[in-house]
PDB file of N, CA and C in Angstrom:
ATOM      1  N   MET A   1       2.273  43.506  13.771  1.00  0.00           N
ATOM      2  CA  MET A   1       3.297  42.451  13.814  1.00  0.00           C
ATOM      3  C   MET A   1       4.302  42.855  12.845  1.00  0.00           C
ATOM      4  N   ASN A   2       5.448  42.465  13.450  1.00  0.00           N
ATOM      5  CA  ASN A   2       6.814  42.689  12.733  1.00  0.00           C
ATOM      6  C   ASN A   2       6.754  41.542  11.478  1.00  0.00           C
ATOM      7  N   ALA A   3       7.265  42.089  10.088  1.00  0.00           N
ATOM      8  CA  ALA A   3       7.360  40.754   9.115  1.00  0.00           C
ATOM      9  C   ALA A   3       8.564  40.282   9.034  1.00  0.00           C
ATOM     10  N   LYS A   4       9.337  40.483   9.997  1.00  0.00           N
ATOM     11  CA  LYS A   4      10.804  39.553  10.460  1.00  0.00           C
ATOM     12  C   LYS A   4      10.281  38.483  11.213  1.00  0.00           C
ATOM     13  N   ALA A   5       9.177  38.664  12.115  1.00  0.00           N
ATOM     14  CA  ALA A   5       8.977  37.696  13.131  1.00  0.00           C
ATOM     15  C   ALA A   5       8.555  36.469  12.582  1.00  0.00           C
ATOM     16  N   LEU A   6       8.028  35.939  11.472  1.00  0.00           N
ATOM     17  CA  LEU A   6       7.693  34.788  11.073  1.00  0.00           C
ATOM     18  C   LEU A   6       7.812  34.786   9.537  1.00  0.00           C
ATOM     19  N   ASN A   7       9.027  34.235   9.290  1.00  0.00           N
ATOM     20  CA  ASN A   7       9.253  34.152   7.608  1.00  0.00           C
ATOM     21  C   ASN A   7       9.128  32.545   7.231  1.00  0.00           C
ATOM     22  N   LEU A   8       7.749  32.853   6.567  1.00  0.00           N
ATOM     23  CA  LEU A   8       7.370  31.645   6.093  1.00  0.00           C
ATOM     24  C   LEU A   8       8.123  30.870   4.965  1.00  0.00           C
ATOM     25  N   LYS A   9       8.987  31.285   4.305  1.00  0.00           N
ATOM     26  CA  LYS A   9      10.112  30.649   3.333  1.00  0.00           C
ATOM     27  C   LYS A   9      10.734  29.864   4.083  1.00  0.00           C
ATOM     28  N   LYS A  10      11.310  30.103   5.183  1.00  0.00           N
ATOM     29  CA  LYS A  10      12.185  29.242   6.096  1.00  0.00           C
ATOM     30  C   LYS A  10      11.589  28.271   6.976  1.00  0.00           C
ATOM     31  N   VAL A  11      10.287  28.211   7.000  1.00  0.00           N
ATOM     32  CA  VAL A  11       9.526  27.235   7.985  1.00  0.00           C
ATOM     33  C   VAL A  11       9.660  25.966   7.448  1.00  0.00           C
ATOM     34  N   ASN A  12       9.904  24.949   7.688  1.00  0.00           N
ATOM     35  CA  ASN A  12       9.918  23.867   7.308  1.00  0.00           C
ATOM     36  C   ASN A  12       8.913  22.592   8.219  1.00  0.00           C
ATOM     37  N   MET A  13       7.714  22.332   7.567  1.00  0.00           N
ATOM     38  CA  MET A  13       6.759  21.905   8.538  1.00  0.00           C
ATOM     39  C   MET A  13       7.166  20.223   8.273  1.00  0.00           C
ATOM     40  N   PHE A  14       7.344  19.662   7.211  1.00  0.00           N
ATOM     41  CA  PHE A  14       7.886  18.412   7.147  1.00  0.00           C
ATOM     42  C   PHE A  14       9.546  18.083   6.881  1.00  0.00           C
ATOM     43  N   LYS A  15       9.955  17.654   7.992  1.00  0.00           N
ATOM     44  CA  LYS A  15      11.468  17.235   8.033  1.00  0.00           C
ATOM     45  C   LYS A  15      11.512  15.795   7.026  1.00  0.00           C
ATOM     46  N   ILE A  16      12.306  15.977   5.835  1.00  0.00           N
ATOM     47  CA  ILE A  16      12.598  14.615   5.053  1.00  0.00           C
ATOM     48  C   ILE A  16      13.935  14.358   5.291  1.00  0.00           C
ATOM     49  N   ASN A  17      14.103  13.046   5.213  1.00  0.00           N
ATOM     50  CA  ASN A  17      15.603  12.587   5.810  1.00  0.00           C
ATOM     51  C   ASN A  17      16.165  12.716   4.105  1.00  0.00           C
ATOM     52  N   PRO A  18      17.298  13.188   4.259  1.00  0.00           N
ATOM     53  CA  PRO A  18      17.908  13.644   2.785  1.00  0.00           C
ATOM     54  C   PRO A  18      18.012  12.181   1.950  1.00  0.00           C
ATOM     55  N   TRP A  19      18.078  10.993   2.654  1.00  0.00           N
ATOM     56  CA  TRP A  19      18.586   9.630   2.029  1.00  0.00           C
ATOM     57  C   TRP A  19      17.142   9.528   0.947  1.00  0.00           C
ATOM     58  N   MET A  20      15.974   9.901   1.781  1.00  0.00           N
ATOM     59  CA  MET A  20      14.423   9.689   0.903  1.00  0.00           C
ATOM     60  C   MET A  20      14.397  10.768   0.104  1.00  0.00           C
ATOM     61  N   LYS A  21      15.110  11.931   0.347  1.00  0.00           N
ATOM     62  CA  LYS A  21      14.760  12.986  -0.615  1.00  0.00           C
ATOM     63  C   LYS A  21      15.480  12.621  -1.974  1.00  0.00           C
ATOM     64  N   ASN A  22      16.614  12.044  -1.985  1.00  0.00           N
ATOM     65  CA  ASN A  22      17.325  11.586  -2.958  1.00  0.00           C
ATOM     66  C   ASN A  22      16.802  10.639  -3.879  1.00  0.00           C
ATOM     67  N   TYR A  23      15.925   9.589  -3.125  1.00  0.00           N
ATOM     68  CA  TYR A  23      15.622   8.650  -3.867  1.00  0.00           C
ATOM     69  C   TYR A  23      14.126   8.233  -3.627  1.00  0.00           C
ATOM     70  N   TRP A  24      13.299   9.263  -3.646  1.00  0.00           N
ATOM     71  CA  TRP A  24      11.836   8.957  -3.639  1.00  0.00           C
ATOM     72  C   TRP A  24      11.221   8.585  -4.740  1.00  0.00           C
ATOM     73  N   LEU A  25      12.070   9.145  -6.123  1.00  0.00           N
ATOM     74  CA  LEU A  25      11.433   8.676  -7.446  1.00  0.00           C
ATOM     75  C   LEU A  25      11.513   7.026  -7.557  1.00  0.00           C
ATOM     76  N   ALA A  26      12.538   6.223  -6.939  1.00  0.00           N
ATOM     77  CA  ALA A  26      12.642   5.019  -6.748  1.00  0.00           C
ATOM     78  C   ALA A  26      11.699   4.261  -5.821  1.00  0.00           C
ATOM     79  N   ILE A  27      11.739   4.940  -4.743  1.00  0.00           N
ATOM     80  CA  ILE A  27      10.797   4.218  -3.486  1.00  0.00           C
ATOM     81  C   ILE A  27       9.196   4.420  -3.769  1.00  0.00           C
ATOM     82  N   LEU A  28       8.604   5.253  -4.446  1.00  0.00           N
ATOM     83  CA  LEU A  28       7.341   5.375  -4.486  1.00  0.00           C
ATOM     84  C   LEU A  28       6.776   4.298  -5.624  1.00  0.00           C
ATOM     85  N   PRO A  29       7.335   4.400  -6.795  1.00  0.00           N
ATOM     86  CA  PRO A  29       6.767   3.387  -7.720  1.00  0.00           C
ATOM     87  C   PRO A  29       6.708   2.063  -7.211  1.00  0.00           C
ATOM     88  N   PHE A  30       8.213   1.510  -6.664  1.00  0.00           N
ATOM     89  CA  PHE A  30       7.944   0.166  -6.034  1.00  0.00           C
ATOM     90  C   PHE A  30       7.021  -0.049  -4.999  1.00  0.00           C
ATOM     91  N   GLY A  31       6.787   1.166  -3.970  1.00  0.00           N
ATOM     92  CA  GLY A  31       5.780   1.183  -2.969  1.00  0.00           C
ATOM     93  C   GLY A  31       4.290   0.992  -3.784  1.00  0.00           C
ATOM     94  N   GLY A  32       4.013   1.701  -4.687  1.00  0.00           N
ATOM     95  CA  GLY A  32       2.906   1.385  -5.421  1.00  0.00           C
ATOM     96  C   GLY A  32       2.634   0.064  -6.113  1.00  0.00           C
ATOM     97  N   PHE A  33       3.881  -0.257  -6.604  1.00  0.00           N
ATOM     98  CA  PHE A  33       3.902  -1.753  -7.001  1.00  0.00           C
ATOM     99  C   PHE A  33       3.455  -2.889  -6.003  1.00  0.00           C
ATOM    100  N   MET A  34       3.840  -2.619  -4.876  1.00  0.00           N
ATOM    101  CA  MET A  34       3.719  -3.898  -3.659  1.00  0.00           C
ATOM    102  C   MET A  34       2.420  -3.488  -3.222  1.00  0.00           C
ATOM    103  N   PHE A  35       1.854  -2.199  -2.862  1.00  0.00           N
ATOM    104  CA  PHE A  35       0.481  -2.109  -2.688  1.00  0.00           C
ATOM    105  C   PHE A  35      -0.443  -2.877  -3.561  1.00  0.00           C
ATOM    106  N   GLY A  36      -0.312  -2.650  -4.918  1.00  0.00           N
ATOM    107  CA  GLY A  36      -1.138  -3.113  -6.021  1.00  0.00           C
ATOM    108  C   GLY A  36      -1.147  -4.586  -5.902  1.00  0.00           C
ATOM    109  N   ARG A  37       0.106  -5.201  -5.988  1.00  0.00           N
ATOM    110  CA  ARG A  37       0.249  -6.533  -5.838  1.00  0.00           C
ATOM    111  C   ARG A  37      -0.397  -7.394  -4.452  1.00  0.00           C
ATOM    112  N   TRP A  38      -0.266  -6.740  -3.645  1.00  0.00           N
ATOM    113  CA  TRP A  38      -1.235  -7.061  -2.114  1.00  0.00           C
ATOM    114  C   TRP A  38      -2.541  -6.961  -2.508  1.00  0.00           C
ATOM    115  N   PHE A  39      -3.171  -5.565  -3.021  1.00  0.00           N
ATOM    116  CA  PHE A  39      -4.489  -5.493  -3.389  1.00  0.00           C
ATOM    117  C   PHE A  39      -5.120  -6.501  -4.468  1.00  0.00           C
ATOM    118  N   ASP A  40      -4.182  -6.872  -5.318  1.00  0.00           N
ATOM    119  CA  ASP A  40      -4.811  -7.983  -6.443  1.00  0.00           C
ATOM    120  C   ASP A  40      -4.645  -9.218  -5.641  1.00  0.00           C
ATOM    121  N   LYS A  41      -3.807  -9.715  -4.733  1.00  0.00           N
ATOM    122  CA  LYS A  41      -3.925 -10.851  -3.922  1.00  0.00           C
ATOM    123  C   LYS A  41      -5.176 -11.233  -3.218  1.00  0.00           C
ATOM    124  N   GLN A  42      -5.540  -9.835  -2.694  1.00  0.00           N
ATOM    125  CA  GLN A  42      -6.728 -10.002  -1.860  1.00  0.00           C
ATOM    126  C   GLN A  42      -7.910 -10.045  -2.740  1.00  0.00           C
ATOM    127  N   GLU A  43      -7.790  -9.447  -3.837  1.00  0.00           N
ATOM    128  CA  GLU A  43      -9.216  -9.870  -4.674  1.00  0.00           C
ATOM    129  C   GLU A  43      -9.198 -11.126  -5.271  1.00  0.00           C
ATOM    130  N   THR A  44      -8.208 -11.767  -5.313  1.00  0.00           N
ATOM    131  CA  THR A  44      -8.159 -12.704  -6.044  1.00  0.00           C
ATOM    132  C   THR A  44      -8.725 -13.958  -4.747  1.00  0.00           C
ATOM    133  N   ILE A  45      -8.180 -13.773  -3.505  1.00  0.00           N
ATOM    134  CA  ILE A  45      -8.551 -14.426  -2.376  1.00  0.00           C
ATOM    135  C   ILE A  45     -10.075 -14.500  -2.400  1.00  0.00           C
ATOM    136  N   ARG A  46     -10.723 -13.012  -2.334  1.00  0.00           N
ATOM    137  CA  ARG A  46     -12.005 -12.662  -2.223  1.00  0.00           C
ATOM    138  C   ARG A  46     -13.201 -13.402  -3.542  1.00  0.00           C
ATOM    139  N   MET A  47     -12.317 -13.314  -4.632  1.00  0.00           N
ATOM    140  CA  MET A  47     -13.125 -14.013  -5.815  1.00  0.00           C
ATOM    141  C   MET A  47     -13.068 -15.466  -5.977  1.00  0.00           C
ATOM    142  N   SER A  48     -11.930 -16.253  -4.957  1.00  0.00           N
ATOM    143  CA  SER A  48     -11.917 -17.645  -5.222  1.00  0.00           C
ATOM    144  C   SER A  48     -13.015 -18.426  -4.233  1.00  0.00           C
ATOM    145  N   GLU A  49     -13.517 -17.511  -3.603  1.00  0.00           N
ATOM    146  CA  GLU A  49     -14.909 -18.100  -2.713  1.00  0.00           C
ATOM    147  C   GLU A  49     -15.970 -18.407  -3.420  1.00  0.00           C
ATOM    148  N   PHE A  50     -15.898 -17.806  -4.831  1.00  0.00           N
ATOM    149  CA  PHE A  50     -16.694 -17.918  -5.920  1.00  0.00           C
ATOM    150  C   PHE A  50     -16.729 -19.265  -6.872  1.00  0.00           C
ATOM    151  N   ALA A  51     -15.474 -19.943  -6.465  1.00  0.00           N
ATOM    152  CA  ALA A  51     -15.360 -20.645  -7.705  1.00  0.00           C
ATOM    153  C   ALA A  51     -15.947 -21.984  -7.562  1.00  0.00           C
ATOM    154  N   ASP A  52     -16.634 -22.521  -8.733  1.00  0.00           N
ATOM    155  CA  ASP A  52     -17.228 -23.579  -9.075  1.00  0.00           C
ATOM    156  C   ASP A  52     -18.794 -23.692  -8.175  1.00  0.00           C
ATOM    157  N   LYS A  53     -19.384 -22.382  -8.192  1.00  0.00           N
ATOM    158  CA  LYS A  53     -20.419 -22.422  -7.439  1.00  0.00           C
ATOM    159  C   LYS A  53     -21.656 -22.337  -8.687  1.00  0.00           C
ATOM    160  N   SER A  54     -21.983 -23.224  -9.303  1.00  0.00           N
ATOM    161  CA  SER A  54     -22.569 -23.495 -10.190  1.00  0.00           C
ATOM    162  C   SER A  54     -24.190 -22.841 -10.447  1.00  0.00           C
ATOM    163  N   TYR A  55     -24.468 -22.820  -8.937  1.00  0.00           N
ATOM    164  CA  TYR A  55     -25.903 -22.186  -8.813  1.00  0.00           C
ATOM    165  C   TYR A  55     -26.126 -20.822  -9.179  1.00  0.00           C
ATOM    166  N   MET A  56     -24.717 -20.235  -9.329  1.00  0.00           N
ATOM    167  CA  MET A  56     -24.873 -18.866  -9.767  1.00  0.00           C
ATOM    168  C   MET A  56     -25.151 -18.469 -11.162  1.00  0.00           C
ATOM    169  N   TYR A  57     -24.863 -19.584 -12.023  1.00  0.00           N
ATOM    170  CA  TYR A  57     -25.196 -19.815 -13.473  1.00  0.00           C
ATOM    171  C   TYR A  57     -26.457 -20.205 -13.859  1.00  0.00           C
ATOM    172  N   GLY A  58     -27.222 -20.704 -12.789  1.00  0.00           N
ATOM    173  CA  GLY A  58     -28.704 -21.488 -12.858  1.00  0.00           C
ATOM    174  C   GLY A  58     -28.733 -22.769 -12.520  1.00  0.00           C
ATOM    175  N   ARG A  59     -27.482 -23.621 -12.390  1.00  0.00           N
ATOM    176  CA  ARG A  59     -27.614 -24.959 -12.111  1.00  0.00           C
ATOM    177  C   ARG A  59     -27.648 -25.138 -10.508  1.00  0.00           C
ATOM    178  N   LYS A  60     -28.066 -25.973  -9.889  1.00  0.00           N
ATOM    179  CA  LYS A  60     -28.259 -25.991  -8.353  1.00  0.00           C
ATOM    180  C   LYS A  60     -27.194 -27.096  -8.168  1.00  0.00           C
ATOM    181  N   GLU A  61     -26.539 -28.015  -8.781  1.00  0.00           N
ATOM    182  CA  GLU A  61     -25.503 -28.898  -8.454  1.00  0.00           C
ATOM    183  C   GLU A  61     -24.552 -29.274  -9.511  1.00  0.00           C
ATOM    184  N   ARG A  62     -23.193 -29.425  -9.198  1.00  0.00           N
ATOM    185  CA  ARG A  62     -22.228 -29.743 -10.405  1.00  0.00           C
ATOM    186  C   ARG A  62     -22.448 -31.142 -10.439  1.00  0.00           C
ATOM    187  N   VAL A  63     -22.643 -31.250 -11.946  1.00  0.00           N
ATOM    188  CA  VAL A  63     -22.602 -32.620 -12.488  1.00  0.00           C
ATOM    189  C   VAL A  63     -21.360 -33.215 -12.356  1.00  0.00           C
ATOM    190  N   GLU A  64     -21.332 -34.346 -12.202  1.00  0.00           N
ATOM    191  CA  GLU A  64     -20.036 -35.301 -12.350  1.00  0.00           C
ATOM    192  C   GLU A  64     -19.313 -35.355 -13.511  1.00  0.00           C
ATOM    193  N   GLY A  65     -18.081 -35.187 -13.745  1.00  0.00           N
ATOM    194  CA  GLY A  65     -17.389 -35.087 -14.938  1.00  0.00           C
ATOM    195  C   GLY A  65     -17.307 -33.635 -15.769  1.00  0.00           C
ATOM    196  N   ASP A  66     -17.996 -32.585 -15.162  1.00  0.00           N
ATOM    197  CA  ASP A  66     -18.033 -30.994 -15.664  1.00  0.00           C
ATOM    198  C   ASP A  66     -16.474 -30.669 -15.464  1.00  0.00           C
ATOM    199  N   TYR A  67     -16.109 -29.622 -16.178  1.00  0.00           N
ATOM    200  CA  TYR A  67     -14.863 -28.888 -15.890  1.00  0.00           C
ATOM    201  C   TYR A  67     -15.269 -28.102 -14.765  1.00  0.00           C
ATOM    202  N   SER A  68     -14.008 -28.289 -13.758  1.00  0.00           N
ATOM    203  CA  SER A  68     -13.888 -27.516 -12.639  1.00  0.00           C
ATOM    204  C   SER A  68     -13.050 -26.413 -12.977  1.00  0.00           C
ATOM    205  N   PRO A  69     -12.953 -25.015 -12.459  1.00  0.00           N
ATOM    206  CA  PRO A  69     -12.041 -23.869 -12.448  1.00  0.00           C
ATOM    207  C   PRO A  69     -10.606 -24.421 -12.088  1.00  0.00           C
ATOM    208  N   TRP A  70     -10.413 -25.405 -11.385  1.00  0.00           N
ATOM    209  CA  TRP A  70      -9.061 -25.597 -10.664  1.00  0.00           C
ATOM    210  C   TRP A  70      -8.369 -26.887 -11.509  1.00  0.00           C
ATOM    211  N   ASP A  71      -9.133 -27.287 -12.557  1.00  0.00           N
ATOM    212  CA  ASP A  71      -8.382 -28.413 -13.095  1.00  0.00           C
ATOM    213  C   ASP A  71      -7.164 -28.095 -13.744  1.00  0.00           C
ATOM    214  N   LYS A  72      -7.014 -26.881 -14.280  1.00  0.00           N
ATOM    215  CA  LYS A  72      -5.721 -26.795 -14.855  1.00  0.00           C
ATOM    216  C   LYS A  72      -4.616 -26.572 -13.677  1.00  0.00           C
ATOM    217  N   TYR A  73      -5.082 -26.429 -12.672  1.00  0.00           N
ATOM    218  CA  TYR A  73      -3.789 -26.136 -11.630  1.00  0.00           C
ATOM    219  C   TYR A  73      -3.482 -27.805 -11.202  1.00  0.00           C
ATOM    220  N   LEU A  74      -4.441 -28.647 -10.990  1.00  0.00           N
ATOM    221  CA  LEU A  74      -4.225 -30.060 -10.784  1.00  0.00           C
ATOM    222  C   LEU A  74      -3.467 -30.664 -11.662  1.00  0.00           C
ATOM    223  N   LYS A  75      -3.532 -30.723 -12.900  1.00  0.00           N
ATOM    224  CA  LYS A  75      -2.729 -31.255 -13.999  1.00  0.00           C
ATOM    225  C   LYS A  75      -1.234 -30.860 -14.155  1.00  0.00           C
ATOM    226  N   GLN A  76      -0.852 -29.859 -13.687  1.00  0.00           N
ATOM    227  CA  GLN A  76       0.645 -29.690 -13.569  1.00  0.00           C
ATOM    228  C   GLN A  76       1.413 -30.491 -12.848  1.00  0.00           C
TER     229      GLN A  76
END
């Protein structure tokens, strides 16, 4: 096989847009932040299903007058 037949140094498998090449250091952290924000919101939604379920802590029912987790949001 001829050594000049396939020059691996000139093979470009991934073509990168020149604009992205210059700004990837700004785009990647922002993308990571947005993914983290989305992931945190999904976790908050999942954990909100457990709000005020007193039986998780040994009680079968919530007694009237007890503090509920969302009281601080209702008073605003």
